[in-house]
Amino acid sequence: MADMRSFRDAVMAWAAGGSGDLAHELATLLPVQGAVLLEGPSDAAAVEALAEGYGRDLAAEAVCVLAMGGAMNVTRFVDRLGPDGLDLQLTGLCDERERGYYARAWARAGLPPHFFVCDADLEDELIRALGVERVAELIQQEGDLRPLQIFLSQPAQRGRGPQQQLRRFLGTKKGRKIHYGRVLVDALPHERVPAPLADLLDFV
């Protein structure tokens, strides 16, 4: 049975140089109306968790959440999903340092810059929104207190502030950023959702 995961896989294969026939077929069959272009799977986990927290199912709303495997790939996806491809409504979320990749991709497609930018990255936004103490509590609840303590004892961490330390900790183990993307968003009160995430969800 065709579903949004099948469409996402077809788009990924197309962007990697394969045929776009299946993506076109599924876009019509499902149908697909929009796509959210994200740098990686931790961003996708956070966006999907946020939508669920507001009682929304983006796939059921015909919106595909795509982790592109890096911001440098964004032009490839906009070319395929934008006006010269499937003509979906596009939005996205990126880190400040990757803003240029997104801006150039949207401009190349002749689209208004309907993407949203995190000050440093999404983890930084979430840690600031929740506060260092709350994030540390969540890490303890998830069973990662001991790894955090070991990480913080490393000499390289002693000159960094608590927020930067936590941000770096989330990226020290494969899969940890993905896991905590959902954990941190699930813990956020609606009134404290960072502006880039809130604006993204409002746009979709």
N, C-alpha and C. Protein backbone atom coordinates (compact mmCIF):
# COMPACT_ATOMS: atom_id res chain seq x y z
N MET A 1 0.84 -1.20 0.00
CA MET A 1 0.00 0.00 0.00
C MET A 1 0.88 1.25 0.00
N ALA A 2 0.54 2.21 -0.84
CA ALA A 2 1.30 3.46 -0.91
C ALA A 2 1.05 4.28 0.35
N ASP A 3 2.12 4.83 0.91
CA ASP A 3 1.99 5.73 2.04
C ASP A 3 3.08 6.78 1.94
N MET A 4 3.11 7.70 2.91
CA MET A 4 4.06 8.80 2.85
C MET A 4 5.50 8.30 2.97
N ARG A 5 5.70 7.21 3.68
CA ARG A 5 7.06 6.65 3.77
C ARG A 5 7.53 6.17 2.40
N SER A 6 6.63 5.55 1.65
CA SER A 6 6.99 5.10 0.30
C SER A 6 7.35 6.30 -0.58
N PHE A 7 6.58 7.37 -0.46
CA PHE A 7 6.87 8.57 -1.23
C PHE A 7 8.22 9.15 -0.83
N ARG A 8 8.47 9.22 0.46
CA ARG A 8 9.75 9.76 0.94
C ARG A 8 10.91 8.93 0.40
N ASP A 9 10.80 7.62 0.44
CA ASP A 9 11.86 6.76 -0.09
C ASP A 9 12.06 6.98 -1.58
N ALA A 10 10.96 7.18 -2.30
CA ALA A 10 11.05 7.40 -3.74
C ALA A 10 11.75 8.73 -4.04
N VAL A 11 11.46 9.75 -3.25
CA VAL A 11 12.10 11.05 -3.44
C VAL A 11 13.60 10.95 -3.13
N MET A 12 13.94 10.23 -2.07
CA MET A 12 15.36 10.07 -1.72
C MET A 12 16.11 9.37 -2.85
N ALA A 13 15.50 8.35 -3.43
CA ALA A 13 16.14 7.64 -4.54
C ALA A 13 16.28 8.55 -5.76
N TRP A 14 15.27 9.35 -6.00
CA TRP A 14 15.29 10.30 -7.11
C TRP A 14 16.39 11.33 -6.92
N ALA A 15 16.48 11.87 -5.71
CA ALA A 15 17.51 12.88 -5.41
C ALA A 15 18.91 12.30 -5.50
N ALA A 16 19.03 10.98 -5.29
CA ALA A 16 20.33 10.32 -5.38
C ALA A 16 20.71 9.99 -6.81
N GLY A 17 19.86 10.35 -7.77
CA GLY A 17 20.19 10.13 -9.18
C GLY A 17 19.34 9.11 -9.89
N GLY A 18 18.38 8.53 -9.19
CA GLY A 18 17.51 7.54 -9.81
C GLY A 18 16.37 8.19 -10.58
N SER A 19 15.46 7.36 -11.03
CA SER A 19 14.30 7.84 -11.79
C SER A 19 13.30 8.52 -10.86
N GLY A 20 12.63 9.53 -11.39
CA GLY A 20 11.60 10.20 -10.62
C GLY A 20 10.20 9.67 -10.89
N ASP A 21 10.10 8.61 -11.69
CA ASP A 21 8.78 8.11 -12.09
C ASP A 21 7.93 7.70 -10.88
N LEU A 22 8.53 6.95 -9.94
CA LEU A 22 7.75 6.48 -8.80
C LEU A 22 7.32 7.64 -7.92
N ALA A 23 8.20 8.62 -7.71
CA ALA A 23 7.85 9.78 -6.90
C ALA A 23 6.68 10.53 -7.53
N HIS A 24 6.70 10.70 -8.84
CA HIS A 24 5.58 11.36 -9.53
C HIS A 24 4.28 10.57 -9.36
N GLU A 25 4.40 9.26 -9.51
CA GLU A 25 3.21 8.41 -9.40
C GLU A 25 2.60 8.48 -8.00
N LEU A 26 3.46 8.37 -6.98
CA LEU A 26 2.97 8.38 -5.61
C LEU A 26 2.45 9.77 -5.22
N ALA A 27 3.09 10.83 -5.72
CA ALA A 27 2.63 12.18 -5.40
C ALA A 27 1.20 12.39 -5.87
N THR A 28 0.86 11.80 -7.00
CA THR A 28 -0.51 11.89 -7.52
C THR A 28 -1.45 10.95 -6.80
N LEU A 29 -0.96 9.75 -6.50
CA LEU A 29 -1.81 8.72 -5.90
C LEU A 29 -2.20 9.07 -4.47
N LEU A 30 -1.30 9.62 -3.69
CA LEU A 30 -1.57 9.79 -2.26
C LEU A 30 -2.68 10.81 -1.94
N PRO A 31 -2.80 11.99 -2.42
CA PRO A 31 -1.79 12.80 -3.10
C PRO A 31 -0.93 13.53 -2.09
N VAL A 32 0.20 14.12 -2.53
CA VAL A 32 1.08 14.90 -1.67
C VAL A 32 0.93 16.36 -2.02
N GLN A 33 0.78 17.20 -0.99
CA GLN A 33 0.57 18.63 -1.21
C GLN A 33 1.79 19.47 -0.85
N GLY A 34 2.57 19.01 0.11
CA GLY A 34 3.68 19.83 0.58
C GLY A 34 4.82 18.99 1.12
N ALA A 35 5.96 19.65 1.35
CA ALA A 35 7.12 18.97 1.91
C ALA A 35 7.87 19.91 2.84
N VAL A 36 8.38 19.35 3.92
CA VAL A 36 9.21 20.07 4.88
C VAL A 36 10.63 19.55 4.73
N LEU A 37 11.55 20.41 4.29
CA LEU A 37 12.91 20.00 4.01
C LEU A 37 13.81 20.29 5.21
N LEU A 38 14.36 19.22 5.79
CA LEU A 38 15.14 19.30 7.02
C LEU A 38 16.53 18.72 6.79
N GLU A 39 17.48 19.19 7.59
CA GLU A 39 18.86 18.76 7.41
C GLU A 39 19.05 17.29 7.75
N GLY A 40 18.50 16.84 8.86
CA GLY A 40 18.77 15.48 9.29
C GLY A 40 17.62 14.87 10.07
N PRO A 41 17.78 13.61 10.48
CA PRO A 41 16.69 12.88 11.14
C PRO A 41 16.32 13.41 12.52
N SER A 42 17.26 14.06 13.22
CA SER A 42 16.89 14.62 14.53
C SER A 42 15.92 15.77 14.35
N ASP A 43 16.10 16.56 13.29
CA ASP A 43 15.16 17.64 13.00
C ASP A 43 13.79 17.08 12.64
N ALA A 44 13.80 16.00 11.84
CA ALA A 44 12.53 15.38 11.45
C ALA A 44 11.80 14.84 12.68
N ALA A 45 12.52 14.21 13.59
CA ALA A 45 11.90 13.68 14.81
C ALA A 45 11.26 14.81 15.62
N ALA A 46 11.95 15.94 15.70
CA ALA A 46 11.44 17.07 16.48
C ALA A 46 10.19 17.66 15.82
N VAL A 47 10.23 17.85 14.51
CA VAL A 47 9.08 18.44 13.81
C VAL A 47 7.87 17.52 13.91
N GLU A 48 8.06 16.23 13.74
CA GLU A 48 6.94 15.30 13.82
C GLU A 48 6.38 15.24 15.24
N ALA A 49 7.28 15.28 16.24
CA ALA A 49 6.81 15.28 17.63
C ALA A 49 6.04 16.54 17.95
N LEU A 50 6.50 17.68 17.45
CA LEU A 50 5.80 18.93 17.70
C LEU A 50 4.40 18.89 17.09
N ALA A 51 4.32 18.43 15.85
CA ALA A 51 3.01 18.34 15.19
C ALA A 51 2.07 17.44 15.98
N GLU A 52 2.57 16.29 16.43
CA GLU A 52 1.75 15.37 17.22
C GLU A 52 1.28 16.02 18.50
N GLY A 53 2.14 16.84 19.12
CA GLY A 53 1.77 17.53 20.35
C GLY A 53 0.62 18.50 20.16
N TYR A 54 0.45 18.97 18.94
CA TYR A 54 -0.67 19.85 18.61
C TYR A 54 -1.82 19.07 17.97
N GLY A 55 -1.76 17.74 18.05
CA GLY A 55 -2.83 16.92 17.51
C GLY A 55 -2.86 16.83 16.00
N ARG A 56 -1.70 17.05 15.38
CA ARG A 56 -1.65 17.04 13.92
C ARG A 56 -0.84 15.84 13.42
N ASP A 57 -1.28 15.28 12.32
CA ASP A 57 -0.59 14.19 11.63
C ASP A 57 -0.23 14.73 10.25
N LEU A 58 1.03 15.13 10.07
CA LEU A 58 1.42 15.79 8.84
C LEU A 58 1.26 14.88 7.63
N ALA A 59 1.54 13.60 7.79
CA ALA A 59 1.36 12.68 6.67
C ALA A 59 -0.10 12.63 6.24
N ALA A 60 -1.01 12.60 7.22
CA ALA A 60 -2.44 12.58 6.90
C ALA A 60 -2.88 13.90 6.27
N GLU A 61 -2.12 14.97 6.53
CA GLU A 61 -2.41 16.27 5.92
C GLU A 61 -1.73 16.42 4.56
N ALA A 62 -1.15 15.32 4.06
CA ALA A 62 -0.51 15.29 2.74
C ALA A 62 0.78 16.09 2.70
N VAL A 63 1.48 16.15 3.85
CA VAL A 63 2.76 16.84 3.94
C VAL A 63 3.84 15.82 4.26
N CYS A 64 4.89 15.81 3.45
CA CYS A 64 6.00 14.89 3.64
C CYS A 64 7.13 15.58 4.40
N VAL A 65 7.57 15.00 5.50
CA VAL A 65 8.70 15.50 6.28
C VAL A 65 9.95 14.76 5.82
N LEU A 66 10.90 15.50 5.25
CA LEU A 66 12.07 14.89 4.61
C LEU A 66 13.37 15.29 5.29
N ALA A 67 14.13 14.32 5.76
CA ALA A 67 15.50 14.55 6.22
C ALA A 67 16.43 14.33 5.04
N MET A 68 17.11 15.39 4.60
CA MET A 68 17.83 15.35 3.33
C MET A 68 19.24 14.82 3.41
N GLY A 69 19.75 14.61 4.65
CA GLY A 69 21.13 14.15 4.77
C GLY A 69 22.13 15.28 4.64
N GLY A 70 21.72 16.48 5.06
CA GLY A 70 22.62 17.64 5.03
C GLY A 70 22.04 18.79 4.24
N ALA A 71 22.31 20.00 4.71
CA ALA A 71 21.77 21.20 4.07
C ALA A 71 22.30 21.41 2.67
N MET A 72 23.49 20.90 2.39
CA MET A 72 24.07 21.09 1.05
C MET A 72 23.26 20.37 -0.03
N ASN A 73 22.37 19.48 0.37
CA ASN A 73 21.52 18.76 -0.59
C ASN A 73 20.23 19.49 -0.92
N VAL A 74 19.99 20.64 -0.31
CA VAL A 74 18.67 21.26 -0.40
C VAL A 74 18.30 21.66 -1.83
N THR A 75 19.26 22.13 -2.62
CA THR A 75 18.94 22.53 -3.99
C THR A 75 18.42 21.35 -4.79
N ARG A 76 19.01 20.20 -4.59
CA ARG A 76 18.59 18.99 -5.30
C ARG A 76 17.13 18.67 -4.99
N PHE A 77 16.75 18.82 -3.73
CA PHE A 77 15.37 18.50 -3.33
C PHE A 77 14.39 19.58 -3.79
N VAL A 78 14.79 20.85 -3.71
CA VAL A 78 13.90 21.91 -4.17
C VAL A 78 13.68 21.79 -5.68
N ASP A 79 14.73 21.42 -6.43
CA ASP A 79 14.57 21.23 -7.87
C ASP A 79 13.53 20.16 -8.18
N ARG A 80 13.52 19.10 -7.40
CA ARG A 80 12.62 17.98 -7.67
C ARG A 80 11.21 18.19 -7.12
N LEU A 81 11.12 18.91 -6.01
CA LEU A 81 9.82 19.04 -5.35
C LEU A 81 9.16 20.40 -5.57
N GLY A 82 9.91 21.37 -6.06
CA GLY A 82 9.40 22.71 -6.26
C GLY A 82 8.71 22.91 -7.60
N PRO A 83 8.63 24.15 -8.08
CA PRO A 83 7.87 24.46 -9.30
C PRO A 83 8.31 23.71 -10.54
N ASP A 84 9.60 23.39 -10.64
CA ASP A 84 10.09 22.68 -11.83
C ASP A 84 10.01 21.16 -11.70
N GLY A 85 9.46 20.70 -10.56
CA GLY A 85 9.32 19.27 -10.35
C GLY A 85 7.88 18.92 -10.01
N LEU A 86 7.64 18.50 -8.77
CA LEU A 86 6.30 18.09 -8.36
C LEU A 86 5.41 19.27 -7.96
N ASP A 87 5.98 20.44 -7.86
CA ASP A 87 5.24 21.67 -7.55
C ASP A 87 4.48 21.58 -6.23
N LEU A 88 5.19 21.10 -5.21
CA LEU A 88 4.62 21.04 -3.86
C LEU A 88 4.86 22.36 -3.14
N GLN A 89 4.07 22.61 -2.11
CA GLN A 89 4.36 23.74 -1.22
C GLN A 89 5.56 23.35 -0.36
N LEU A 90 6.61 24.15 -0.40
CA LEU A 90 7.83 23.81 0.31
C LEU A 90 8.08 24.73 1.49
N THR A 91 8.57 24.16 2.56
CA THR A 91 9.11 24.91 3.67
C THR A 91 10.28 24.11 4.23
N GLY A 92 10.92 24.64 5.26
CA GLY A 92 12.07 23.93 5.81
C GLY A 92 12.58 24.60 7.07
N LEU A 93 13.56 23.96 7.67
CA LEU A 93 14.19 24.44 8.90
C LEU A 93 15.68 24.19 8.76
N CYS A 94 16.49 25.18 9.11
CA CYS A 94 17.94 24.98 9.00
C CYS A 94 18.65 25.71 10.13
N ASP A 95 19.94 25.41 10.27
CA ASP A 95 20.80 26.12 11.21
C ASP A 95 21.23 27.44 10.59
N GLU A 96 21.58 28.40 11.42
CA GLU A 96 22.02 29.70 10.92
C GLU A 96 23.18 29.56 9.93
N ARG A 97 24.13 28.68 10.23
CA ARG A 97 25.29 28.57 9.34
C ARG A 97 24.94 27.96 7.99
N GLU A 98 23.76 27.35 7.87
CA GLU A 98 23.34 26.75 6.61
C GLU A 98 22.30 27.60 5.87
N ARG A 99 22.01 28.78 6.39
CA ARG A 99 20.99 29.63 5.80
C ARG A 99 21.24 29.88 4.30
N GLY A 100 22.49 30.09 3.94
CA GLY A 100 22.82 30.40 2.55
C GLY A 100 22.42 29.32 1.57
N TYR A 101 22.58 28.06 1.96
CA TYR A 101 22.19 26.95 1.08
C TYR A 101 20.69 27.00 0.80
N TYR A 102 19.91 27.23 1.85
CA TYR A 102 18.46 27.28 1.70
C TYR A 102 18.04 28.51 0.88
N ALA A 103 18.63 29.65 1.20
CA ALA A 103 18.26 30.87 0.49
C ALA A 103 18.52 30.75 -1.00
N ARG A 104 19.66 30.19 -1.35
CA ARG A 104 19.99 30.04 -2.77
C ARG A 104 19.05 29.06 -3.46
N ALA A 105 18.70 27.99 -2.77
CA ALA A 105 17.80 26.98 -3.37
C ALA A 105 16.42 27.57 -3.62
N TRP A 106 15.88 28.30 -2.65
CA TRP A 106 14.55 28.90 -2.82
C TRP A 106 14.59 29.97 -3.93
N ALA A 107 15.66 30.78 -3.94
CA ALA A 107 15.77 31.82 -4.96
C ALA A 107 15.90 31.22 -6.35
N ARG A 108 16.69 30.17 -6.48
CA ARG A 108 16.87 29.50 -7.77
C ARG A 108 15.54 29.01 -8.32
N ALA A 109 14.65 28.55 -7.41
CA ALA A 109 13.34 28.04 -7.83
C ALA A 109 12.31 29.15 -8.01
N GLY A 110 12.71 30.39 -7.72
CA GLY A 110 11.77 31.50 -7.84
C GLY A 110 10.74 31.54 -6.75
N LEU A 111 11.07 30.98 -5.58
CA LEU A 111 10.13 30.90 -4.47
C LEU A 111 10.44 31.92 -3.39
N PRO A 112 9.42 32.43 -2.70
CA PRO A 112 9.68 33.25 -1.50
C PRO A 112 10.40 32.38 -0.47
N PRO A 113 11.25 32.98 0.37
CA PRO A 113 12.05 32.19 1.32
C PRO A 113 11.23 31.70 2.51
N HIS A 114 10.34 30.76 2.25
CA HIS A 114 9.48 30.23 3.30
C HIS A 114 10.17 29.08 4.03
N PHE A 115 11.29 29.40 4.65
CA PHE A 115 11.97 28.44 5.53
C PHE A 115 12.37 29.21 6.78
N PHE A 116 12.70 28.46 7.84
CA PHE A 116 12.89 29.07 9.15
C PHE A 116 14.26 28.66 9.70
N VAL A 117 14.87 29.58 10.44
CA VAL A 117 16.29 29.45 10.78
C VAL A 117 16.48 29.43 12.29
N CYS A 118 17.21 28.43 12.78
CA CYS A 118 17.58 28.34 14.19
C CYS A 118 18.84 29.18 14.43
N ASP A 119 18.92 29.82 15.59
CA ASP A 119 20.07 30.69 15.88
C ASP A 119 21.39 29.95 15.73
N ALA A 120 21.52 28.82 16.36
CA ALA A 120 22.72 27.98 16.20
C ALA A 120 22.29 26.70 15.51
N ASP A 121 21.53 25.90 16.23
CA ASP A 121 20.90 24.72 15.63
C ASP A 121 19.66 24.39 16.45
N LEU A 122 18.95 23.35 16.05
CA LEU A 122 17.69 23.05 16.72
C LEU A 122 17.91 22.64 18.16
N GLU A 123 18.96 21.88 18.43
CA GLU A 123 19.22 21.46 19.81
C GLU A 123 19.45 22.66 20.71
N ASP A 124 20.18 23.65 20.20
CA ASP A 124 20.43 24.86 20.97
C ASP A 124 19.12 25.58 21.28
N GLU A 125 18.24 25.66 20.29
CA GLU A 125 16.94 26.30 20.50
C GLU A 125 16.14 25.58 21.59
N LEU A 126 16.15 24.25 21.53
CA LEU A 126 15.36 23.47 22.50
C LEU A 126 15.92 23.56 23.91
N ILE A 127 17.25 23.54 24.02
CA ILE A 127 17.88 23.65 25.34
C ILE A 127 17.59 25.01 25.95
N ARG A 128 17.67 26.07 25.16
CA ARG A 128 17.37 27.41 25.67
C ARG A 128 15.91 27.52 26.10
N ALA A 129 15.03 26.91 25.32
CA ALA A 129 13.60 27.00 25.63
C ALA A 129 13.26 26.27 26.92
N LEU A 130 13.87 25.12 27.13
CA LEU A 130 13.57 24.31 28.31
C LEU A 130 14.38 24.73 29.53
N GLY A 131 15.59 25.21 29.31
CA GLY A 131 16.49 25.52 30.40
C GLY A 131 17.41 24.35 30.71
N VAL A 132 18.62 24.66 31.13
CA VAL A 132 19.64 23.64 31.37
C VAL A 132 19.19 22.62 32.42
N GLU A 133 18.59 23.09 33.50
CA GLU A 133 18.19 22.17 34.58
C GLU A 133 17.14 21.18 34.10
N ARG A 134 16.18 21.65 33.33
CA ARG A 134 15.13 20.76 32.84
C ARG A 134 15.68 19.74 31.87
N VAL A 135 16.59 20.17 31.00
CA VAL A 135 17.20 19.23 30.05
C VAL A 135 18.00 18.17 30.80
N ALA A 136 18.74 18.58 31.83
CA ALA A 136 19.49 17.62 32.63
C ALA A 136 18.55 16.61 33.30
N GLU A 137 17.39 17.08 33.77
CA GLU A 137 16.40 16.17 34.36
C GLU A 137 15.92 15.15 33.34
N LEU A 138 15.67 15.61 32.12
CA LEU A 138 15.20 14.71 31.07
C LEU A 138 16.27 13.69 30.71
N ILE A 139 17.51 14.12 30.68
CA ILE A 139 18.61 13.19 30.39
C ILE A 139 18.68 12.13 31.47
N GLN A 140 18.49 12.53 32.72
CA GLN A 140 18.48 11.55 33.81
C GLN A 140 17.30 10.60 33.67
N GLN A 141 16.12 11.12 33.34
CA GLN A 141 14.94 10.27 33.17
C GLN A 141 15.12 9.26 32.05
N GLU A 142 15.90 9.63 31.04
CA GLU A 142 16.14 8.74 29.90
C GLU A 142 17.26 7.75 30.16
N GLY A 143 17.85 7.78 31.37
CA GLY A 143 18.89 6.82 31.73
C GLY A 143 20.28 7.19 31.26
N ASP A 144 20.49 8.46 30.91
CA ASP A 144 21.79 8.88 30.37
C ASP A 144 22.57 9.77 31.33
N LEU A 145 22.22 9.74 32.62
CA LEU A 145 22.93 10.60 33.57
C LEU A 145 24.41 10.23 33.66
N ARG A 146 24.71 8.94 33.77
CA ARG A 146 26.11 8.51 33.91
C ARG A 146 26.93 8.90 32.67
N PRO A 147 26.45 8.62 31.44
CA PRO A 147 27.21 9.09 30.27
C PRO A 147 27.39 10.61 30.27
N LEU A 148 26.38 11.36 30.73
CA LEU A 148 26.53 12.81 30.79
C LEU A 148 27.62 13.20 31.78
N GLN A 149 27.63 12.56 32.94
CA GLN A 149 28.65 12.89 33.95
C GLN A 149 30.05 12.59 33.43
N ILE A 150 30.20 11.48 32.74
CA ILE A 150 31.51 11.14 32.17
C ILE A 150 31.91 12.18 31.12
N PHE A 151 30.96 12.56 30.30
CA PHE A 151 31.23 13.55 29.26
C PHE A 151 31.66 14.88 29.88
N LEU A 152 30.95 15.33 30.93
CA LEU A 152 31.25 16.61 31.55
C LEU A 152 32.59 16.62 32.27
N SER A 153 33.09 15.44 32.63
CA SER A 153 34.38 15.37 33.33
C SER A 153 35.57 15.48 32.38
N GLN A 154 35.33 15.45 31.09
CA GLN A 154 36.41 15.54 30.12
C GLN A 154 37.00 16.96 30.13
N PRO A 155 38.33 17.05 30.05
CA PRO A 155 38.98 18.37 30.09
C PRO A 155 38.45 19.35 29.04
N ALA A 156 38.10 18.85 27.87
CA ALA A 156 37.64 19.72 26.78
C ALA A 156 36.34 20.43 27.11
N GLN A 157 35.58 19.92 28.09
CA GLN A 157 34.27 20.51 28.41
C GLN A 157 34.34 21.57 29.50
N ARG A 158 35.48 21.67 30.15
CA ARG A 158 35.53 22.53 31.34
C ARG A 158 35.44 24.01 31.02
N GLY A 159 35.82 24.41 29.83
CA GLY A 159 35.76 25.82 29.48
C GLY A 159 34.47 26.22 28.80
N ARG A 160 33.53 25.29 28.65
CA ARG A 160 32.27 25.57 27.97
C ARG A 160 31.15 25.81 28.98
N GLY A 161 30.19 26.61 28.58
CA GLY A 161 29.03 26.86 29.42
C GLY A 161 28.12 25.65 29.44
N PRO A 162 27.20 25.57 30.42
CA PRO A 162 26.31 24.41 30.56
C PRO A 162 25.47 24.14 29.31
N GLN A 163 24.98 25.20 28.69
CA GLN A 163 24.14 25.00 27.51
C GLN A 163 24.94 24.39 26.36
N GLN A 164 26.16 24.88 26.15
CA GLN A 164 27.00 24.35 25.09
C GLN A 164 27.41 22.92 25.39
N GLN A 165 27.66 22.63 26.67
CA GLN A 165 28.02 21.27 27.05
C GLN A 165 26.88 20.29 26.71
N LEU A 166 25.66 20.66 27.07
CA LEU A 166 24.53 19.78 26.79
C LEU A 166 24.33 19.60 25.29
N ARG A 167 24.48 20.69 24.55
CA ARG A 167 24.33 20.61 23.10
C ARG A 167 25.35 19.64 22.50
N ARG A 168 26.56 19.72 22.97
CA ARG A 168 27.60 18.82 22.45
C ARG A 168 27.35 17.37 22.90
N PHE A 169 26.85 17.21 24.11
CA PHE A 169 26.57 15.86 24.59
C PHE A 169 25.54 15.16 23.71
N LEU A 170 24.54 15.88 23.27
CA LEU A 170 23.49 15.27 22.46
C LEU A 170 24.03 14.74 21.13
N GLY A 171 25.17 15.26 20.69
CA GLY A 171 25.74 14.81 19.43
C GLY A 171 26.87 13.81 19.56
N THR A 172 27.11 13.28 20.77
CA THR A 172 28.28 12.43 20.98
C THR A 172 28.05 10.95 20.65
N LYS A 173 26.83 10.54 20.46
CA LYS A 173 26.53 9.13 20.21
C LYS A 173 25.51 9.02 19.09
N LYS A 174 25.74 8.10 18.18
CA LYS A 174 24.83 7.93 17.05
C LYS A 174 23.41 7.64 17.56
N GLY A 175 22.46 8.37 17.03
CA GLY A 175 21.07 8.17 17.39
C GLY A 175 20.60 9.01 18.57
N ARG A 176 21.55 9.61 19.32
CA ARG A 176 21.14 10.36 20.51
C ARG A 176 20.39 11.64 20.14
N LYS A 177 20.86 12.35 19.12
CA LYS A 177 20.17 13.57 18.71
C LYS A 177 18.76 13.27 18.22
N ILE A 178 18.59 12.16 17.53
CA ILE A 178 17.27 11.78 17.04
C ILE A 178 16.35 11.51 18.23
N HIS A 179 16.85 10.72 19.18
CA HIS A 179 16.05 10.37 20.36
C HIS A 179 15.65 11.62 21.13
N TYR A 180 16.62 12.49 21.39
CA TYR A 180 16.33 13.66 22.20
C TYR A 180 15.60 14.75 21.44
N GLY A 181 15.65 14.72 20.11
CA GLY A 181 14.82 15.64 19.34
C GLY A 181 13.37 15.49 19.73
N ARG A 182 12.93 14.23 19.87
CA ARG A 182 11.55 13.97 20.28
C ARG A 182 11.36 14.19 21.78
N VAL A 183 12.30 13.76 22.60
CA VAL A 183 12.16 13.90 24.06
C VAL A 183 12.04 15.36 24.46
N LEU A 184 12.90 16.21 23.92
CA LEU A 184 12.88 17.63 24.31
C LEU A 184 11.62 18.33 23.82
N VAL A 185 11.19 18.02 22.61
CA VAL A 185 9.97 18.64 22.10
C VAL A 185 8.76 18.18 22.90
N ASP A 186 8.70 16.91 23.24
CA ASP A 186 7.57 16.40 24.02
C ASP A 186 7.47 17.08 25.38
N ALA A 187 8.61 17.55 25.92
CA ALA A 187 8.62 18.19 27.24
C ALA A 187 8.30 19.67 27.18
N LEU A 188 8.22 20.24 25.99
CA LEU A 188 8.01 21.68 25.86
C LEU A 188 6.55 22.07 26.07
N PRO A 189 6.27 23.02 26.96
CA PRO A 189 4.94 23.63 26.98
C PRO A 189 4.74 24.40 25.67
N HIS A 190 3.53 24.47 25.20
CA HIS A 190 3.28 25.13 23.92
C HIS A 190 3.77 26.57 23.89
N GLU A 191 3.66 27.26 25.02
CA GLU A 191 4.05 28.66 25.03
C GLU A 191 5.57 28.85 24.98
N ARG A 192 6.33 27.77 25.10
CA ARG A 192 7.79 27.90 25.07
C ARG A 192 8.42 27.27 23.84
N VAL A 193 7.60 26.90 22.88
CA VAL A 193 8.14 26.34 21.63
C VAL A 193 8.98 27.41 20.95
N PRO A 194 10.24 27.10 20.56
CA PRO A 194 11.08 28.10 19.89
C PRO A 194 10.43 28.64 18.63
N ALA A 195 10.65 29.92 18.36
CA ALA A 195 9.99 30.59 17.24
C ALA A 195 10.18 29.89 15.90
N PRO A 196 11.39 29.41 15.55
CA PRO A 196 11.52 28.76 14.24
C PRO A 196 10.62 27.54 14.09
N LEU A 197 10.49 26.75 15.14
CA LEU A 197 9.62 25.57 15.09
C LEU A 197 8.15 25.97 15.05
N ALA A 198 7.78 26.92 15.89
CA ALA A 198 6.38 27.36 15.91
C ALA A 198 5.97 27.96 14.57
N ASP A 199 6.87 28.77 13.99
CA ASP A 199 6.57 29.40 12.70
C ASP A 199 6.47 28.37 11.59
N LEU A 200 7.32 27.37 11.66
CA LEU A 200 7.27 26.29 10.65
C LEU A 200 5.93 25.58 10.71
N LEU A 201 5.51 25.21 11.92
CA LEU A 201 4.25 24.48 12.05
C LEU A 201 3.06 25.34 11.64
N ASP A 202 3.13 26.64 11.93
CA ASP A 202 2.05 27.54 11.50
C ASP A 202 1.97 27.62 9.99
N PHE A 203 3.11 27.54 9.33
CA PHE A 203 3.14 27.67 7.86
C PHE A 203 2.62 26.43 7.16
N VAL A 204 2.90 25.27 7.75
CA VAL A 204 2.53 24.02 7.08
C VAL A 204 1.02 23.85 7.04
